[in-house]
Amino acid sequence: MEIIQTFVLILLLSPQITMWTVRPSVNVYTEFPEQQGKVNVLYCYATGFYPGDIEVTFYLNGQKSTVKAETSDLMYGEDWTFRVYKYMNITPQYGDKYTCEVRHSSMVEPKMTEWKDNIF
């Protein structure tokens, strides 16, 4: 009977045990140096987050991008936090503003990170 009580106690407490969260760090960058009108690859890299559920979305000029984007497999580090990246092909034009939105349970508001290397 004591084993059953211990098991029930563990089940009841397990949500509290696993409820810790770690906020992701986010970096946005391109594969190649930027050139207006030239195809490039834009990456949004989220690292150091826990738990593993995360949502990454690209925006172009404030609107959700319609360009097909690929997402890497979820990876984890030695500290058991996770990392993932999303990427898409872009052809930057003068005035374009690319932003990566990351939503994670550790944050009340989504994190918006703008691509800063944009020289136009």
N, C-alpha and C. Protein backbone atom coordinates (compact mmCIF):
# COMPACT_ATOMS: atom_id res chain seq x y z
N MET A 1 0.82 -1.19 0.00
CA MET A 1 0.00 0.00 0.00
C MET A 1 0.87 1.26 0.00
N GLU A 2 1.97 1.23 0.72
CA GLU A 2 2.86 2.38 0.79
C GLU A 2 3.44 2.71 -0.59
N ILE A 3 3.73 1.70 -1.38
CA ILE A 3 4.26 1.90 -2.74
C ILE A 3 3.23 2.63 -3.60
N ILE A 4 1.97 2.25 -3.48
CA ILE A 4 0.92 2.90 -4.25
C ILE A 4 0.78 4.36 -3.83
N GLN A 5 0.82 4.63 -2.54
CA GLN A 5 0.72 6.01 -2.05
C GLN A 5 1.90 6.85 -2.56
N THR A 6 3.07 6.28 -2.55
CA THR A 6 4.25 6.98 -3.06
C THR A 6 4.11 7.27 -4.55
N PHE A 7 3.63 6.29 -5.31
CA PHE A 7 3.43 6.46 -6.74
C PHE A 7 2.41 7.55 -7.02
N VAL A 8 1.29 7.56 -6.29
CA VAL A 8 0.26 8.59 -6.46
C VAL A 8 0.84 9.96 -6.12
N LEU A 9 1.61 10.05 -5.07
CA LEU A 9 2.24 11.31 -4.68
C LEU A 9 3.18 11.81 -5.77
N ILE A 10 3.96 10.93 -6.36
CA ILE A 10 4.86 11.30 -7.46
C ILE A 10 4.07 11.82 -8.65
N LEU A 11 2.98 11.13 -8.99
CA LEU A 11 2.14 11.58 -10.11
C LEU A 11 1.54 12.95 -9.85
N LEU A 12 1.12 13.18 -8.62
CA LEU A 12 0.52 14.47 -8.28
C LEU A 12 1.55 15.60 -8.30
N LEU A 13 2.76 15.31 -7.90
CA LEU A 13 3.80 16.33 -7.83
C LEU A 13 4.56 16.51 -9.14
N SER A 14 4.49 15.54 -10.03
CA SER A 14 5.30 15.60 -11.25
C SER A 14 5.06 16.85 -12.09
N PRO A 15 3.83 17.38 -12.21
CA PRO A 15 3.71 18.63 -12.97
C PRO A 15 4.54 19.77 -12.37
N GLN A 16 4.60 19.85 -11.03
CA GLN A 16 5.39 20.89 -10.40
C GLN A 16 6.88 20.65 -10.59
N ILE A 17 7.29 19.42 -10.63
CA ILE A 17 8.70 19.09 -10.79
C ILE A 17 9.19 19.50 -12.17
N THR A 18 8.36 19.32 -13.17
CA THR A 18 8.79 19.58 -14.55
C THR A 18 8.31 20.93 -15.09
N MET A 19 7.84 21.83 -14.25
CA MET A 19 7.28 23.08 -14.74
C MET A 19 8.31 24.19 -14.92
N TRP A 20 9.58 23.94 -14.73
CA TRP A 20 10.57 24.99 -14.93
C TRP A 20 10.73 25.26 -16.42
N THR A 21 11.01 26.51 -16.74
CA THR A 21 11.17 26.90 -18.14
C THR A 21 12.43 27.76 -18.27
N VAL A 22 12.99 27.75 -19.47
CA VAL A 22 14.15 28.57 -19.78
C VAL A 22 13.86 29.30 -21.09
N ARG A 23 14.05 30.62 -21.10
CA ARG A 23 13.78 31.43 -22.29
C ARG A 23 14.82 31.20 -23.38
N PRO A 24 14.37 31.20 -24.63
CA PRO A 24 15.32 31.03 -25.73
C PRO A 24 16.10 32.32 -26.03
N SER A 25 17.32 32.14 -26.48
CA SER A 25 18.08 33.22 -27.11
C SER A 25 17.81 33.10 -28.61
N VAL A 26 17.69 34.22 -29.30
CA VAL A 26 17.33 34.20 -30.72
C VAL A 26 18.32 35.02 -31.52
N ASN A 27 18.82 34.44 -32.61
CA ASN A 27 19.70 35.14 -33.55
C ASN A 27 19.13 34.99 -34.96
N VAL A 28 19.19 36.06 -35.72
CA VAL A 28 18.73 36.05 -37.12
C VAL A 28 19.90 36.48 -37.99
N TYR A 29 20.19 35.69 -39.01
CA TYR A 29 21.36 35.97 -39.85
C TYR A 29 21.17 35.32 -41.22
N THR A 30 22.02 35.73 -42.18
CA THR A 30 21.96 35.14 -43.52
C THR A 30 23.17 34.25 -43.75
N GLU A 31 23.02 33.37 -44.74
CA GLU A 31 24.11 32.45 -45.07
C GLU A 31 25.27 33.18 -45.75
N PHE A 32 24.93 34.15 -46.61
CA PHE A 32 25.94 34.89 -47.37
C PHE A 32 25.83 36.38 -47.07
N PRO A 33 26.89 37.16 -47.34
CA PRO A 33 26.77 38.61 -47.20
C PRO A 33 25.63 39.12 -48.08
N GLU A 34 24.93 40.11 -47.59
CA GLU A 34 23.74 40.61 -48.29
C GLU A 34 24.09 41.36 -49.57
N GLN A 35 23.31 41.07 -50.61
CA GLN A 35 23.39 41.81 -51.88
C GLN A 35 21.97 41.99 -52.38
N GLN A 36 21.60 43.22 -52.66
CA GLN A 36 20.25 43.51 -53.12
C GLN A 36 19.95 42.73 -54.39
N GLY A 37 18.78 42.08 -54.41
CA GLY A 37 18.33 41.34 -55.58
C GLY A 37 18.96 39.96 -55.74
N LYS A 38 19.86 39.56 -54.85
CA LYS A 38 20.51 38.24 -54.92
C LYS A 38 19.87 37.29 -53.92
N VAL A 39 19.65 36.06 -54.35
CA VAL A 39 19.06 35.04 -53.48
C VAL A 39 20.01 34.74 -52.33
N ASN A 40 19.44 34.60 -51.13
CA ASN A 40 20.20 34.30 -49.93
C ASN A 40 19.34 33.38 -49.06
N VAL A 41 19.88 32.93 -47.96
CA VAL A 41 19.12 32.11 -47.02
C VAL A 41 19.11 32.84 -45.68
N LEU A 42 17.91 33.05 -45.14
CA LEU A 42 17.74 33.71 -43.85
C LEU A 42 17.48 32.65 -42.79
N TYR A 43 18.23 32.71 -41.69
CA TYR A 43 18.09 31.76 -40.58
C TYR A 43 17.57 32.46 -39.34
N CYS A 44 16.74 31.76 -38.60
CA CYS A 44 16.34 32.18 -37.26
C CYS A 44 16.72 31.02 -36.34
N TYR A 45 17.64 31.28 -35.43
CA TYR A 45 18.23 30.24 -34.58
C TYR A 45 17.85 30.51 -33.13
N ALA A 46 17.05 29.61 -32.55
CA ALA A 46 16.64 29.73 -31.15
C ALA A 46 17.40 28.69 -30.35
N THR A 47 18.04 29.13 -29.26
CA THR A 47 18.88 28.23 -28.48
C THR A 47 18.60 28.37 -26.99
N GLY A 48 18.97 27.31 -26.24
CA GLY A 48 18.96 27.36 -24.79
C GLY A 48 17.59 27.41 -24.15
N PHE A 49 16.57 26.82 -24.77
CA PHE A 49 15.22 26.90 -24.21
C PHE A 49 14.75 25.55 -23.67
N TYR A 50 13.80 25.63 -22.74
CA TYR A 50 13.17 24.44 -22.16
C TYR A 50 11.78 24.84 -21.70
N PRO A 51 10.77 24.04 -21.93
CA PRO A 51 10.75 22.75 -22.63
C PRO A 51 10.90 22.93 -24.14
N GLY A 52 10.82 21.81 -24.86
CA GLY A 52 11.14 21.80 -26.28
C GLY A 52 10.09 22.36 -27.22
N ASP A 53 8.86 22.57 -26.76
CA ASP A 53 7.82 23.11 -27.64
C ASP A 53 8.10 24.57 -27.94
N ILE A 54 8.19 24.90 -29.22
CA ILE A 54 8.50 26.28 -29.63
C ILE A 54 7.90 26.53 -31.00
N GLU A 55 7.57 27.79 -31.26
CA GLU A 55 6.99 28.18 -32.54
C GLU A 55 7.84 29.31 -33.13
N VAL A 56 8.29 29.14 -34.36
CA VAL A 56 9.15 30.13 -35.02
C VAL A 56 8.47 30.55 -36.33
N THR A 57 8.32 31.87 -36.53
CA THR A 57 7.63 32.39 -37.71
C THR A 57 8.42 33.56 -38.29
N PHE A 58 8.52 33.61 -39.62
CA PHE A 58 9.17 34.73 -40.29
C PHE A 58 8.13 35.77 -40.72
N TYR A 59 8.55 37.04 -40.66
CA TYR A 59 7.74 38.15 -41.14
C TYR A 59 8.56 38.97 -42.13
N LEU A 60 7.87 39.47 -43.15
CA LEU A 60 8.48 40.39 -44.12
C LEU A 60 7.65 41.66 -44.12
N ASN A 61 8.29 42.77 -43.75
CA ASN A 61 7.62 44.07 -43.70
C ASN A 61 6.35 44.05 -42.85
N GLY A 62 6.43 43.35 -41.71
CA GLY A 62 5.32 43.31 -40.76
C GLY A 62 4.23 42.30 -41.04
N GLN A 63 4.32 41.59 -42.15
CA GLN A 63 3.32 40.58 -42.51
C GLN A 63 3.95 39.20 -42.46
N LYS A 64 3.15 38.21 -42.04
CA LYS A 64 3.66 36.85 -42.00
C LYS A 64 4.14 36.45 -43.40
N SER A 65 5.34 35.93 -43.48
CA SER A 65 5.93 35.57 -44.77
C SER A 65 5.17 34.41 -45.41
N THR A 66 4.99 34.49 -46.72
CA THR A 66 4.32 33.41 -47.46
C THR A 66 5.34 32.48 -48.11
N VAL A 67 6.63 32.80 -47.96
CA VAL A 67 7.68 31.96 -48.53
C VAL A 67 7.80 30.68 -47.70
N LYS A 68 7.94 29.56 -48.37
CA LYS A 68 8.08 28.29 -47.67
C LYS A 68 9.36 28.29 -46.83
N ALA A 69 9.22 27.92 -45.57
CA ALA A 69 10.38 27.86 -44.66
C ALA A 69 10.52 26.43 -44.14
N GLU A 70 11.74 26.04 -43.89
CA GLU A 70 12.04 24.71 -43.35
C GLU A 70 12.50 24.85 -41.91
N THR A 71 12.20 23.83 -41.11
CA THR A 71 12.61 23.82 -39.70
C THR A 71 13.49 22.62 -39.44
N SER A 72 14.57 22.83 -38.71
CA SER A 72 15.47 21.73 -38.36
C SER A 72 14.79 20.81 -37.35
N ASP A 73 15.39 19.65 -37.14
CA ASP A 73 14.95 18.80 -36.05
C ASP A 73 15.28 19.51 -34.74
N LEU A 74 14.53 19.20 -33.71
CA LEU A 74 14.80 19.73 -32.39
C LEU A 74 16.06 19.07 -31.85
N MET A 75 17.01 19.87 -31.39
CA MET A 75 18.28 19.35 -30.87
C MET A 75 18.40 19.75 -29.41
N TYR A 76 19.18 19.01 -28.65
CA TYR A 76 19.41 19.39 -27.26
C TYR A 76 20.89 19.37 -26.94
N GLY A 77 21.25 20.19 -25.95
CA GLY A 77 22.64 20.32 -25.56
C GLY A 77 22.95 19.55 -24.30
N GLU A 78 24.18 19.68 -23.84
CA GLU A 78 24.62 18.98 -22.64
C GLU A 78 23.85 19.40 -21.40
N ASP A 79 23.32 20.63 -21.41
CA ASP A 79 22.55 21.12 -20.26
C ASP A 79 21.07 20.77 -20.37
N TRP A 80 20.69 19.99 -21.36
CA TRP A 80 19.33 19.51 -21.60
C TRP A 80 18.38 20.61 -22.05
N THR A 81 18.92 21.76 -22.44
CA THR A 81 18.06 22.74 -23.09
C THR A 81 18.07 22.43 -24.58
N PHE A 82 17.13 23.03 -25.28
CA PHE A 82 16.94 22.70 -26.69
C PHE A 82 17.40 23.83 -27.60
N ARG A 83 17.54 23.49 -28.88
CA ARG A 83 17.84 24.48 -29.92
C ARG A 83 17.19 24.01 -31.22
N VAL A 84 16.85 24.98 -32.04
CA VAL A 84 16.22 24.70 -33.33
C VAL A 84 16.47 25.90 -34.23
N TYR A 85 16.48 25.66 -35.53
CA TYR A 85 16.55 26.79 -36.45
C TYR A 85 15.54 26.62 -37.57
N LYS A 86 15.10 27.74 -38.08
CA LYS A 86 14.19 27.78 -39.21
C LYS A 86 14.86 28.63 -40.27
N TYR A 87 14.67 28.27 -41.53
CA TYR A 87 15.34 29.02 -42.59
C TYR A 87 14.46 29.08 -43.83
N MET A 88 14.70 30.13 -44.64
CA MET A 88 13.96 30.28 -45.90
C MET A 88 14.81 31.08 -46.88
N ASN A 89 14.54 30.87 -48.15
CA ASN A 89 15.20 31.64 -49.19
C ASN A 89 14.60 33.05 -49.23
N ILE A 90 15.47 34.04 -49.40
CA ILE A 90 15.02 35.42 -49.55
C ILE A 90 15.77 36.06 -50.71
N THR A 91 15.16 37.08 -51.28
CA THR A 91 15.82 37.94 -52.26
C THR A 91 15.60 39.36 -51.77
N PRO A 92 16.50 39.86 -50.92
CA PRO A 92 16.27 41.17 -50.29
C PRO A 92 16.22 42.31 -51.30
N GLN A 93 15.26 43.19 -51.07
CA GLN A 93 15.10 44.40 -51.88
C GLN A 93 15.20 45.61 -50.97
N TYR A 94 15.45 46.77 -51.55
CA TYR A 94 15.57 48.00 -50.78
C TYR A 94 14.32 48.20 -49.91
N GLY A 95 14.53 48.45 -48.61
CA GLY A 95 13.43 48.72 -47.69
C GLY A 95 12.82 47.50 -47.03
N ASP A 96 13.21 46.30 -47.44
CA ASP A 96 12.65 45.09 -46.83
C ASP A 96 13.09 44.97 -45.38
N LYS A 97 12.16 44.55 -44.54
CA LYS A 97 12.44 44.33 -43.12
C LYS A 97 12.03 42.90 -42.78
N TYR A 98 13.00 42.06 -42.45
CA TYR A 98 12.75 40.67 -42.09
C TYR A 98 12.82 40.53 -40.56
N THR A 99 11.84 39.83 -40.01
CA THR A 99 11.75 39.64 -38.57
C THR A 99 11.43 38.18 -38.28
N CYS A 100 11.98 37.69 -37.18
CA CYS A 100 11.68 36.34 -36.71
C CYS A 100 10.90 36.45 -35.40
N GLU A 101 9.76 35.79 -35.35
CA GLU A 101 8.94 35.75 -34.14
C GLU A 101 9.10 34.38 -33.49
N VAL A 102 9.40 34.38 -32.18
CA VAL A 102 9.53 33.13 -31.43
C VAL A 102 8.51 33.15 -30.30
N ARG A 103 7.71 32.08 -30.23
CA ARG A 103 6.74 31.90 -29.14
C ARG A 103 7.16 30.68 -28.34
N HIS A 104 7.22 30.87 -27.01
CA HIS A 104 7.64 29.78 -26.12
C HIS A 104 6.94 29.95 -24.78
N SER A 105 6.70 28.85 -24.10
CA SER A 105 5.97 28.88 -22.82
C SER A 105 6.70 29.67 -21.74
N SER A 106 7.97 29.93 -21.89
CA SER A 106 8.74 30.70 -20.90
C SER A 106 8.51 32.20 -21.02
N MET A 107 7.80 32.63 -22.07
CA MET A 107 7.63 34.06 -22.33
C MET A 107 6.15 34.42 -22.37
N VAL A 108 5.79 35.55 -21.77
CA VAL A 108 4.41 36.03 -21.81
C VAL A 108 4.09 36.56 -23.21
N GLU A 109 5.02 37.29 -23.78
CA GLU A 109 4.87 37.87 -25.12
C GLU A 109 5.85 37.19 -26.07
N PRO A 110 5.50 37.09 -27.36
CA PRO A 110 6.47 36.54 -28.31
C PRO A 110 7.69 37.45 -28.44
N LYS A 111 8.81 36.85 -28.76
CA LYS A 111 10.05 37.61 -28.96
C LYS A 111 10.20 37.89 -30.46
N MET A 112 10.32 39.17 -30.82
CA MET A 112 10.49 39.57 -32.21
C MET A 112 11.94 40.01 -32.39
N THR A 113 12.65 39.36 -33.31
CA THR A 113 14.06 39.68 -33.55
C THR A 113 14.21 40.05 -35.02
N GLU A 114 14.68 41.27 -35.27
CA GLU A 114 14.84 41.76 -36.63
C GLU A 114 16.21 41.39 -37.17
N TRP A 115 16.26 41.11 -38.46
CA TRP A 115 17.53 40.86 -39.13
C TRP A 115 18.27 42.19 -39.21
N LYS A 116 19.37 42.30 -38.50
CA LYS A 116 20.09 43.58 -38.37
C LYS A 116 21.13 43.82 -39.44
N ASP A 117 21.52 42.81 -40.21
CA ASP A 117 22.55 43.00 -41.22
C ASP A 117 22.03 43.68 -42.48
N ASN A 118 20.74 43.97 -42.49
CA ASN A 118 20.13 44.57 -43.66
C ASN A 118 20.74 45.94 -43.93
N ILE A 119 21.48 46.07 -45.03
CA ILE A 119 22.22 47.31 -45.33
C ILE A 119 21.43 48.29 -46.19
N PHE A 120 20.25 47.90 -46.61
CA PHE A 120 19.48 48.79 -47.48
C PHE A 120 18.73 49.82 -46.66
